[in-house]
Amino acid sequence: MNDPVSPPVTDVDPRLLEILVCPLTRTPLTYDRAKGELVSKAAKLAYPIRDGVPIMLPEEARDLGS
């Protein structure tokens, strides 16, 4: 049974993680598998992954706060 609140867990190709950077800070991202997000610690933003595609738009990112 799928939980409608939790995103489906998908793996991100490690080669993709090597080249993707935060569009605001140009710093590396980390992958949060449990939440299905790419996290920019420098910008304190989490970019969603939808249908296996990282959405690298700051306006779509979740604010991680201070």
Protein backbone atom coordinates (compact mmCIF):
# COMPACT_ATOMS: atom_id res chain seq x y z
CA MET A 1 0.00 0.00 0.00
CA ASN A 2 1.41 3.38 -1.02
CA ASP A 3 1.45 6.30 1.38
CA PRO A 4 0.08 9.33 -0.54
CA VAL A 5 2.26 11.71 1.49
CA SER A 6 5.58 9.97 0.86
CA PRO A 7 7.20 10.21 -2.57
CA PRO A 8 8.07 6.96 -4.26
CA VAL A 9 11.64 5.95 -3.51
CA THR A 10 13.77 6.08 -6.63
CA ASP A 11 17.50 5.86 -6.96
CA VAL A 12 19.48 8.61 -8.62
CA ASP A 13 22.27 7.67 -10.99
CA PRO A 14 25.55 8.43 -9.15
CA ARG A 15 26.96 9.91 -12.37
CA LEU A 16 24.11 12.41 -12.39
CA LEU A 17 24.89 13.42 -8.81
CA GLU A 18 28.47 14.09 -9.84
CA ILE A 19 27.43 16.73 -12.39
CA LEU A 20 24.34 18.30 -10.81
CA VAL A 21 24.88 21.38 -8.67
CA CYS A 22 22.57 23.80 -6.93
CA PRO A 23 21.44 26.41 -9.49
CA LEU A 24 21.76 29.18 -6.90
CA THR A 25 25.05 28.40 -5.17
CA ARG A 26 26.75 26.09 -7.72
CA THR A 27 27.64 23.76 -4.85
CA PRO A 28 27.26 19.95 -4.87
CA LEU A 29 23.96 18.34 -3.92
CA THR A 30 23.27 15.35 -1.71
CA TYR A 31 20.54 12.83 -2.36
CA ASP A 32 17.91 12.23 0.32
CA ARG A 33 16.51 8.88 -0.77
CA ALA A 34 13.80 8.76 1.90
CA LYS A 35 12.30 12.07 0.78
CA GLY A 36 13.14 11.78 -2.92
CA GLU A 37 14.98 15.11 -2.97
CA LEU A 38 18.31 16.61 -3.90
CA VAL A 39 19.52 18.77 -1.04
CA SER A 40 21.62 21.91 -1.26
CA LYS A 41 23.08 22.50 2.19
CA ALA A 42 24.54 25.84 1.08
CA ALA A 43 21.19 27.22 -0.13
CA LYS A 44 19.16 25.32 2.50
CA LEU A 45 16.85 24.04 -0.24
CA ALA A 46 15.61 20.60 -1.25
CA TYR A 47 14.85 20.08 -4.93
CA PRO A 48 12.15 17.50 -5.66
CA ILE A 49 12.55 14.53 -7.97
CA ARG A 50 9.37 13.83 -9.93
CA ASP A 51 9.02 10.74 -12.10
CA GLY A 52 12.78 10.27 -11.89
CA VAL A 53 13.51 13.83 -13.08
CA PRO A 54 15.21 16.33 -10.75
CA ILE A 55 13.30 19.62 -10.73
CA MET A 56 16.13 22.13 -10.39
CA LEU A 57 14.01 25.27 -10.12
CA PRO A 58 14.44 27.33 -6.94
CA GLU A 59 10.72 28.18 -6.94
CA GLU A 60 9.92 24.44 -6.82
CA ALA A 61 12.39 23.72 -4.01
CA ARG A 62 11.41 23.15 -0.41
CA ASP A 63 12.94 25.60 2.08
CA LEU A 64 14.92 23.78 4.75
CA GLY A 65 14.93 26.80 7.07
CA SER A 66 17.83 28.27 8.98
